[in-house]
C-alpha cells in the first residue's frame, strides 16, 4: 500500500506499475467540468429522443423502452471493398466489414442506468442479449459498449450504448482469447471462473456481490476505480444467461453504478463493455476457455474534477496507477447503495 510494485495481468499478459504514494502529491493539473445536472428530459433537437429527427433525416418512433437503430455514422459497413494487395510485409492491410448500431436505454434524456428501475435495466440486458445473438449469428465479434459522460467522449447525454459487429476479432478479443485458452490448457479451469472464486474467498477487492455475480476491482486494475463484473457460473456469452441471472445482473449493475455516482456525488463517467466468447464461425468451435465478463473503466481519480490521464509513461512504457486496487475497492465497498439524488433531504 505504501511502496511501488508491479502486478501481472494474466488476461492481457502484461504488467501495471502500482505507485500508491503518488496519490498524495498536490494536483496542479487540469480540472474537469462536472457533467450538467440540468439535462432536459426531452429535447426535440436531441437526435436520440423519441420523435426527434436524426442526421440522416429519419424520425425516431415514440419509443417507450429501449430503441435500437443503425448508427448514422458507422465505423464499420457490411459492403466495404477488399484492400489492395501489399507489396511489402511491413505494409499489410486486411478487409474490415461489419455493422454498427445505437441502442437507447430509455426515452428520458435525464435518466442514467443507476437511476432506472430494475425492470428497465433488465430490459436493457435483454436487448443486449438479443443483439449479441442476432449479430453473432454471422459476425465473429459483437462489441457492446457504453461511453458515459463527455469526459469519455460521449457527445450526447441521452442514456445509450453502441453495438459494433465485426468480420474480425479485434485486438483485445484476440488477446483475451489467447490468454484464456492458454490458462485452460495449463490449469484445466477457465481463468476468470477461477479468478472469481479466488476473489469471492479473499474479499479484499470485492465491491458488491449476489448469488450469481460479483464485482471486483481487479488485482491488475489500471484505471483508479476500474471494476470487473463476473458471473459465478461458467457462462460463455451474454445470450446464454438464465432468466434469473439476468434479474440478478440488473440488480448488481444498479448497485455498482449507484456506488460509482455516490463516490464523488456526480454522474460518474466511464467506458464499459462486454467480452464473451467469439461468435459467427466460432459458434461451432470449443470456446470453453472463455468466461463472460464486463469491464468498467472510469477516469476519475480524486474528485469529480480530477481525472487520471493515460499519457507519457503509460503510452510509452506500461500502465501505472496511483492507488492500490485494494484501497479503491474498500472505498467503493463502503459507499451507500442509495443514490445521492434519492436520499431523503
Foldseek 3Di string as FASTA:
>chain_A
DQAWDWDADLLQRDIAIEHQNVVPDDDPDFWADFDDQPDFFADLCAQVAQQHADPVRDGHHNDAAKDKDFDPDDPAAAPDDFDDDDPDPVDDDGDKHWTKMKMFLGNTLNDELLRDDLVSLLVVLVVVLVVCVVLLQAAQDKKKKDWADVVSPDPGSGHMIMIIGINDQDPSLVSSLVSLVVCCVVPVAQPVLVVVVVCVVVVLQWADDDPFKTKGLDQRHQAQQKIKIFTNDADADSNPDDPVNSSVVSVVVSQLQLLQCQLQVGNFTWMKIKDGGTGRVCVPPDRSSTGIMMIIHTFCHDHSTHGDDCDDCCVVPNGYDHRGSSVSSVSSNPGDSPHPVPDDD
